[in-house]
Amino acid sequence: LNGQETAQTISVRQFVNALQHFGLPV
């Protein structure tokens, strides 16, 4: 609520790291 990173933020960032192999802008 205050714009801080949460456990879900970290999880989504890890998910996005795995998307990098598609070679598309994310």
PDB file of all heavy atoms in Angstrom:
ATOM      1  N   LEU A   1       0.804  -1.224   0.000  1.00  0.00           N
ATOM      2  CA  LEU A   1       0.000   0.000   0.000  1.00  0.00           C
ATOM      3  C   LEU A   1       0.838   1.275   0.000  1.00  0.00           C
ATOM      4  O   LEU A   1       0.399   2.316  -0.489  1.00  0.00           O
ATOM      5  CB  LEU A   1      -0.949   0.010   1.202  1.00  0.00           C
ATOM      6  CG  LEU A   1      -2.042  -1.056   1.178  1.00  0.00           C
ATOM      7  CD1 LEU A   1      -2.855  -1.008   2.456  1.00  0.00           C
ATOM      8  CD2 LEU A   1      -2.938  -0.877  -0.037  1.00  0.00           C
ATOM      9  N   ASN A   2       2.058   1.203   0.530  1.00  0.00           N
ATOM     10  CA  ASN A   2       2.943   2.368   0.545  1.00  0.00           C
ATOM     11  C   ASN A   2       3.976   2.311  -0.573  1.00  0.00           C
ATOM     12  O   ASN A   2       4.980   3.024  -0.522  1.00  0.00           O
ATOM     13  CB  ASN A   2       3.634   2.485   1.909  1.00  0.00           C
ATOM     14  CG  ASN A   2       2.638   2.747   3.018  1.00  0.00           C
ATOM     15  OD1 ASN A   2       1.681   3.494   2.834  1.00  0.00           O
ATOM     16  ND2 ASN A   2       2.848   2.121   4.167  1.00  0.00           N
ATOM     17  N   GLY A   3       3.756   1.446  -1.549  1.00  0.00           N
ATOM     18  CA  GLY A   3       4.671   1.336  -2.682  1.00  0.00           C
ATOM     19  C   GLY A   3       5.878   0.452  -2.434  1.00  0.00           C
ATOM     20  O   GLY A   3       6.761   0.362  -3.286  1.00  0.00           O
ATOM     21  N   GLN A   4       5.917  -0.219  -1.294  1.00  0.00           N
ATOM     22  CA  GLN A   4       7.070  -1.045  -0.960  1.00  0.00           C
ATOM     23  C   GLN A   4       6.993  -2.403  -1.659  1.00  0.00           C
ATOM     24  O   GLN A   4       5.937  -2.856  -2.037  1.00  0.00           O
ATOM     25  CB  GLN A   4       7.177  -1.217   0.565  1.00  0.00           C
ATOM     26  CG  GLN A   4       6.201  -2.205   1.171  1.00  0.00           C
ATOM     27  CD  GLN A   4       4.813  -1.642   1.474  1.00  0.00           C
ATOM     28  OE1 GLN A   4       4.422  -0.604   0.966  1.00  0.00           O
ATOM     29  NE2 GLN A   4       4.061  -2.373   2.276  1.00  0.00           N
ATOM     30  N   GLU A   5       8.168  -3.003  -1.810  1.00  0.00           N
ATOM     31  CA  GLU A   5       8.254  -4.352  -2.369  1.00  0.00           C
ATOM     32  C   GLU A   5       7.702  -5.341  -1.348  1.00  0.00           C
ATOM     33  O   GLU A   5       7.895  -5.183  -0.145  1.00  0.00           O
ATOM     34  CB  GLU A   5       9.706  -4.691  -2.712  1.00  0.00           C
ATOM     35  CG  GLU A   5      10.325  -3.743  -3.727  1.00  0.00           C
ATOM     36  CD  GLU A   5      10.541  -4.367  -5.084  1.00  0.00           C
ATOM     37  OE1 GLU A   5      10.741  -5.587  -5.167  1.00  0.00           O
ATOM     38  OE2 GLU A   5      10.511  -3.613  -6.070  1.00  0.00           O
ATOM     39  N   THR A   6       7.005  -6.356  -1.845  1.00  0.00           N
ATOM     40  CA  THR A   6       6.431  -7.398  -0.996  1.00  0.00           C
ATOM     41  C   THR A   6       6.937  -8.754  -1.470  1.00  0.00           C
ATOM     42  O   THR A   6       7.652  -8.846  -2.484  1.00  0.00           O
ATOM     43  CB  THR A   6       4.894  -7.378  -1.080  1.00  0.00           C
ATOM     44  OG1 THR A   6       4.515  -7.732  -2.427  1.00  0.00           O
ATOM     45  CG2 THR A   6       4.321  -6.010  -0.718  1.00  0.00           C
ATOM     46  N   ALA A   7       6.537  -9.791  -0.786  1.00  0.00           N
ATOM     47  CA  ALA A   7       6.884 -11.151  -1.217  1.00  0.00           C
ATOM     48  C   ALA A   7       6.343 -11.420  -2.621  1.00  0.00           C
ATOM     49  O   ALA A   7       7.014 -12.043  -3.453  1.00  0.00           O
ATOM     50  CB  ALA A   7       6.355 -12.181  -0.223  1.00  0.00           C
ATOM     51  N   GLN A   8       5.147 -10.914  -2.914  1.00  0.00           N
ATOM     52  CA  GLN A   8       4.564 -11.102  -4.250  1.00  0.00           C
ATOM     53  C   GLN A   8       5.344 -10.312  -5.302  1.00  0.00           C
ATOM     54  O   GLN A   8       5.510 -10.772  -6.429  1.00  0.00           O
ATOM     55  CB  GLN A   8       3.084 -10.713  -4.263  1.00  0.00           C
ATOM     56  CG  GLN A   8       2.381 -10.995  -5.573  1.00  0.00           C
ATOM     57  CD  GLN A   8       2.352 -12.469  -5.979  1.00  0.00           C
ATOM     58  OE1 GLN A   8       2.530 -13.364  -5.167  1.00  0.00           O
ATOM     59  NE2 GLN A   8       2.138 -12.721  -7.247  1.00  0.00           N
ATOM     60  N   THR A   9       5.860  -9.134  -4.946  1.00  0.00           N
ATOM     61  CA  THR A   9       6.688  -8.354  -5.878  1.00  0.00           C
ATOM     62  C   THR A   9       7.920  -9.156  -6.269  1.00  0.00           C
ATOM     63  O   THR A   9       8.265  -9.248  -7.454  1.00  0.00           O
ATOM     64  CB  THR A   9       7.132  -7.020  -5.231  1.00  0.00           C
ATOM     65  OG1 THR A   9       6.013  -6.353  -4.674  1.00  0.00           O
ATOM     66  CG2 THR A   9       7.810  -6.118  -6.254  1.00  0.00           C
ATOM     67  N   ILE A  10       8.561  -9.737  -5.277  1.00  0.00           N
ATOM     68  CA  ILE A  10       9.763 -10.545  -5.522  1.00  0.00           C
ATOM     69  C   ILE A  10       9.428 -11.749  -6.387  1.00  0.00           C
ATOM     70  O   ILE A  10      10.153 -12.070  -7.336  1.00  0.00           O
ATOM     71  CB  ILE A  10      10.401 -10.964  -4.185  1.00  0.00           C
ATOM     72  CG1 ILE A  10      10.931  -9.720  -3.463  1.00  0.00           C
ATOM     73  CG2 ILE A  10      11.510 -11.994  -4.396  1.00  0.00           C
ATOM     74  CD1 ILE A  10      11.258  -9.939  -2.000  1.00  0.00           C
ATOM     75  N   SER A  11       8.308 -12.395  -6.111  1.00  0.00           N
ATOM     76  CA  SER A  11       7.880 -13.554  -6.901  1.00  0.00           C
ATOM     77  C   SER A  11       7.646 -13.165  -8.362  1.00  0.00           C
ATOM     78  O   SER A  11       8.052 -13.885  -9.281  1.00  0.00           O
ATOM     79  CB  SER A  11       6.612 -14.145  -6.285  1.00  0.00           C
ATOM     80  OG  SER A  11       6.141 -15.208  -7.054  1.00  0.00           O
ATOM     81  N   VAL A  12       6.994 -12.026  -8.584  1.00  0.00           N
ATOM     82  CA  VAL A  12       6.734 -11.567  -9.957  1.00  0.00           C
ATOM     83  C   VAL A  12       8.044 -11.224 -10.660  1.00  0.00           C
ATOM     84  O   VAL A  12       8.232 -11.546 -11.835  1.00  0.00           O
ATOM     85  CB  VAL A  12       5.749 -10.383  -9.969  1.00  0.00           C
ATOM     86  CG1 VAL A  12       5.701  -9.716 -11.337  1.00  0.00           C
ATOM     87  CG2 VAL A  12       4.363 -10.852  -9.551  1.00  0.00           C
ATOM     88  N   ARG A  13       8.971 -10.591  -9.963  1.00  0.00           N
ATOM     89  CA  ARG A  13      10.278 -10.279 -10.576  1.00  0.00           C
ATOM     90  C   ARG A  13      11.010 -11.561 -10.981  1.00  0.00           C
ATOM     91  O   ARG A  13      11.644 -11.612 -12.037  1.00  0.00           O
ATOM     92  CB  ARG A  13      11.131  -9.441  -9.632  1.00  0.00           C
ATOM     93  CG  ARG A  13      10.644  -8.003  -9.489  1.00  0.00           C
ATOM     94  CD  ARG A  13      11.635  -7.161  -8.691  1.00  0.00           C
ATOM     95  NE  ARG A  13      11.132  -5.850  -8.400  1.00  0.00           N
ATOM     96  CZ  ARG A  13      11.112  -4.821  -9.243  1.00  0.00           C
ATOM     97  NH1 ARG A  13      11.562  -4.984 -10.476  1.00  0.00           N
ATOM     98  NH2 ARG A  13      10.647  -3.645  -8.878  1.00  0.00           N
ATOM     99  N   GLN A  14      10.930 -12.609 -10.170  1.00  0.00           N
ATOM    100  CA  GLN A  14      11.545 -13.894 -10.514  1.00  0.00           C
ATOM    101  C   GLN A  14      10.864 -14.501 -11.742  1.00  0.00           C
ATOM    102  O   GLN A  14      11.531 -15.045 -12.630  1.00  0.00           O
ATOM    103  CB  GLN A  14      11.478 -14.853  -9.327  1.00  0.00           C
ATOM    104  CG  GLN A  14      12.370 -14.446  -8.182  1.00  0.00           C
ATOM    105  CD  GLN A  14      12.143 -15.253  -6.915  1.00  0.00           C
ATOM    106  OE1 GLN A  14      11.117 -15.933  -6.754  1.00  0.00           O
ATOM    107  NE2 GLN A  14      13.084 -15.183  -6.001  1.00  0.00           N
ATOM    108  N   PHE A  15       9.549 -14.389 -11.799  1.00  0.00           N
ATOM    109  CA  PHE A  15       8.793 -14.881 -12.947  1.00  0.00           C
ATOM    110  C   PHE A  15       9.249 -14.156 -14.217  1.00  0.00           C
ATOM    111  O   PHE A  15       9.476 -14.768 -15.254  1.00  0.00           O
ATOM    112  CB  PHE A  15       7.293 -14.667 -12.704  1.00  0.00           C
ATOM    113  CG  PHE A  15       6.420 -15.159 -13.812  1.00  0.00           C
ATOM    114  CD1 PHE A  15       6.047 -16.484 -13.896  1.00  0.00           C
ATOM    115  CD2 PHE A  15       5.951 -14.275 -14.784  1.00  0.00           C
ATOM    116  CE1 PHE A  15       5.236 -16.940 -14.930  1.00  0.00           C
ATOM    117  CE2 PHE A  15       5.149 -14.717 -15.811  1.00  0.00           C
ATOM    118  CZ  PHE A  15       4.788 -16.052 -15.893  1.00  0.00           C
ATOM    119  N   VAL A  16       9.407 -12.835 -14.124  1.00  0.00           N
ATOM    120  CA  VAL A  16       9.831 -12.034 -15.276  1.00  0.00           C
ATOM    121  C   VAL A  16      11.248 -12.414 -15.709  1.00  0.00           C
ATOM    122  O   VAL A  16      11.531 -12.467 -16.912  1.00  0.00           O
ATOM    123  CB  VAL A  16       9.715 -10.524 -14.971  1.00  0.00           C
ATOM    124  CG1 VAL A  16      10.449  -9.691 -16.006  1.00  0.00           C
ATOM    125  CG2 VAL A  16       8.246 -10.126 -14.913  1.00  0.00           C
ATOM    126  N   ASN A  17      12.127 -12.710 -14.775  1.00  0.00           N
ATOM    127  CA  ASN A  17      13.472 -13.153 -15.152  1.00  0.00           C
ATOM    128  C   ASN A  17      13.404 -14.384 -16.044  1.00  0.00           C
ATOM    129  O   ASN A  17      14.164 -14.507 -16.999  1.00  0.00           O
ATOM    130  CB  ASN A  17      14.314 -13.433 -13.909  1.00  0.00           C
ATOM    131  CG  ASN A  17      14.784 -12.166 -13.241  1.00  0.00           C
ATOM    132  OD1 ASN A  17      14.829 -11.097 -13.854  1.00  0.00           O
ATOM    133  ND2 ASN A  17      15.123 -12.270 -11.967  1.00  0.00           N
ATOM    134  N   ALA A  18      12.484 -15.290 -15.750  1.00  0.00           N
ATOM    135  CA  ALA A  18      12.335 -16.498 -16.566  1.00  0.00           C
ATOM    136  C   ALA A  18      11.741 -16.182 -17.933  1.00  0.00           C
ATOM    137  O   ALA A  18      11.929 -16.935 -18.888  1.00  0.00           O
ATOM    138  CB  ALA A  18      11.479 -17.526 -15.837  1.00  0.00           C
ATOM    139  N   LEU A  19      11.020 -15.067 -18.061  1.00  0.00           N
ATOM    140  CA  LEU A  19      10.435 -14.687 -19.355  1.00  0.00           C
ATOM    141  C   LEU A  19      11.492 -14.164 -20.339  1.00  0.00           C
ATOM    142  O   LEU A  19      11.236 -14.094 -21.533  1.00  0.00           O
ATOM    143  CB  LEU A  19       9.378 -13.588 -19.165  1.00  0.00           C
ATOM    144  CG  LEU A  19       8.122 -13.939 -18.392  1.00  0.00           C
ATOM    145  CD1 LEU A  19       7.235 -12.702 -18.261  1.00  0.00           C
ATOM    146  CD2 LEU A  19       7.365 -15.070 -19.064  1.00  0.00           C
ATOM    147  N   GLN A  20      12.648 -13.788 -19.837  1.00  0.00           N
ATOM    148  CA  GLN A  20      13.687 -13.201 -20.688  1.00  0.00           C
ATOM    149  C   GLN A  20      14.107 -14.121 -21.832  1.00  0.00           C
ATOM    150  O   GLN A  20      14.511 -13.640 -22.891  1.00  0.00           O
ATOM    151  CB  GLN A  20      14.911 -12.802 -19.849  1.00  0.00           C
ATOM    152  CG  GLN A  20      14.627 -11.770 -18.781  1.00  0.00           C
ATOM    153  CD  GLN A  20      14.073 -10.462 -19.322  1.00  0.00           C
ATOM    154  OE1 GLN A  20      14.486  -9.983 -20.377  1.00  0.00           O
ATOM    155  NE2 GLN A  20      13.124  -9.891 -18.607  1.00  0.00           N
ATOM    156  N   HIS A  21      13.967 -15.435 -21.657  1.00  0.00           N
ATOM    157  CA  HIS A  21      14.391 -16.361 -22.716  1.00  0.00           C
ATOM    158  C   HIS A  21      13.515 -16.267 -23.970  1.00  0.00           C
ATOM    159  O   HIS A  21      13.883 -16.775 -25.016  1.00  0.00           O
ATOM    160  CB  HIS A  21      14.481 -17.802 -22.189  1.00  0.00           C
ATOM    161  CG  HIS A  21      13.184 -18.524 -22.123  1.00  0.00           C
ATOM    162  ND1 HIS A  21      12.323 -18.422 -21.062  1.00  0.00           N
ATOM    163  CD2 HIS A  21      12.593 -19.369 -23.012  1.00  0.00           C
ATOM    164  CE1 HIS A  21      11.269 -19.175 -21.287  1.00  0.00           C
ATOM    165  NE2 HIS A  21      11.392 -19.752 -22.459  1.00  0.00           N
ATOM    166  N   PHE A  22      12.355 -15.594 -23.871  1.00  0.00           N
ATOM    167  CA  PHE A  22      11.526 -15.408 -25.061  1.00  0.00           C
ATOM    168  C   PHE A  22      12.121 -14.369 -26.000  1.00  0.00           C
ATOM    169  O   PHE A  22      11.723 -14.273 -27.160  1.00  0.00           O
ATOM    170  CB  PHE A  22      10.094 -14.997 -24.680  1.00  0.00           C
ATOM    171  CG  PHE A  22       9.308 -16.073 -23.988  1.00  0.00           C
ATOM    172  CD1 PHE A  22       8.619 -15.788 -22.817  1.00  0.00           C
ATOM    173  CD2 PHE A  22       9.244 -17.362 -24.491  1.00  0.00           C
ATOM    174  CE1 PHE A  22       7.886 -16.770 -22.167  1.00  0.00           C
ATOM    175  CE2 PHE A  22       8.511 -18.351 -23.846  1.00  0.00           C
ATOM    176  CZ  PHE A  22       7.835 -18.056 -22.678  1.00  0.00           C
ATOM    177  N   GLY A  23      13.052 -13.548 -25.503  1.00  0.00           N
ATOM    178  CA  GLY A  23      13.703 -12.548 -26.338  1.00  0.00           C
ATOM    179  C   GLY A  23      12.827 -11.359 -26.692  1.00  0.00           C
ATOM    180  O   GLY A  23      13.088 -10.671 -27.672  1.00  0.00           O
ATOM    181  N   LEU A  24      11.778 -11.119 -25.912  1.00  0.00           N
ATOM    182  CA  LEU A  24      10.877  -9.990 -26.158  1.00  0.00           C
ATOM    183  C   LEU A  24      11.097  -8.910 -25.107  1.00  0.00           C
ATOM    184  O   LEU A  24      11.483  -9.208 -23.974  1.00  0.00           O
ATOM    185  CB  LEU A  24       9.416 -10.455 -26.062  1.00  0.00           C
ATOM    186  CG  LEU A  24       8.947 -11.472 -27.090  1.00  0.00           C
ATOM    187  CD1 LEU A  24       7.548 -11.965 -26.727  1.00  0.00           C
ATOM    188  CD2 LEU A  24       8.957 -10.870 -28.478  1.00  0.00           C
ATOM    189  N   PRO A  25      10.803  -7.660 -25.469  1.00  0.00           N
ATOM    190  CA  PRO A  25      10.822  -6.628 -24.431  1.00  0.00           C
ATOM    191  C   PRO A  25       9.770  -6.950 -23.380  1.00  0.00           C
ATOM    192  O   PRO A  25       8.663  -7.377 -23.712  1.00  0.00           O
ATOM    193  CB  PRO A  25      10.446  -5.346 -25.179  1.00  0.00           C
ATOM    194  CG  PRO A  25      10.583  -5.652 -26.625  1.00  0.00           C
ATOM    195  CD  PRO A  25      10.447  -7.136 -26.783  1.00  0.00           C
ATOM    196  N   VAL A  26      10.130  -6.779 -22.118  1.00  0.00           N
ATOM    197  CA  VAL A  26       9.211  -7.005 -21.011  1.00  0.00           C
ATOM    198  C   VAL A  26       9.124  -5.709 -20.222  1.00  0.00           C
ATOM    199  O   VAL A  26      10.140  -5.157 -19.804  1.00  0.00           O
ATOM    200  CB  VAL A  26       9.679  -8.152 -20.094  1.00  0.00           C
ATOM    201  CG1 VAL A  26       8.703  -8.355 -18.944  1.00  0.00           C
ATOM    202  CG2 VAL A  26       9.849  -9.444 -20.882  1.00  0.00           C
TER     203      VAL A  26
END
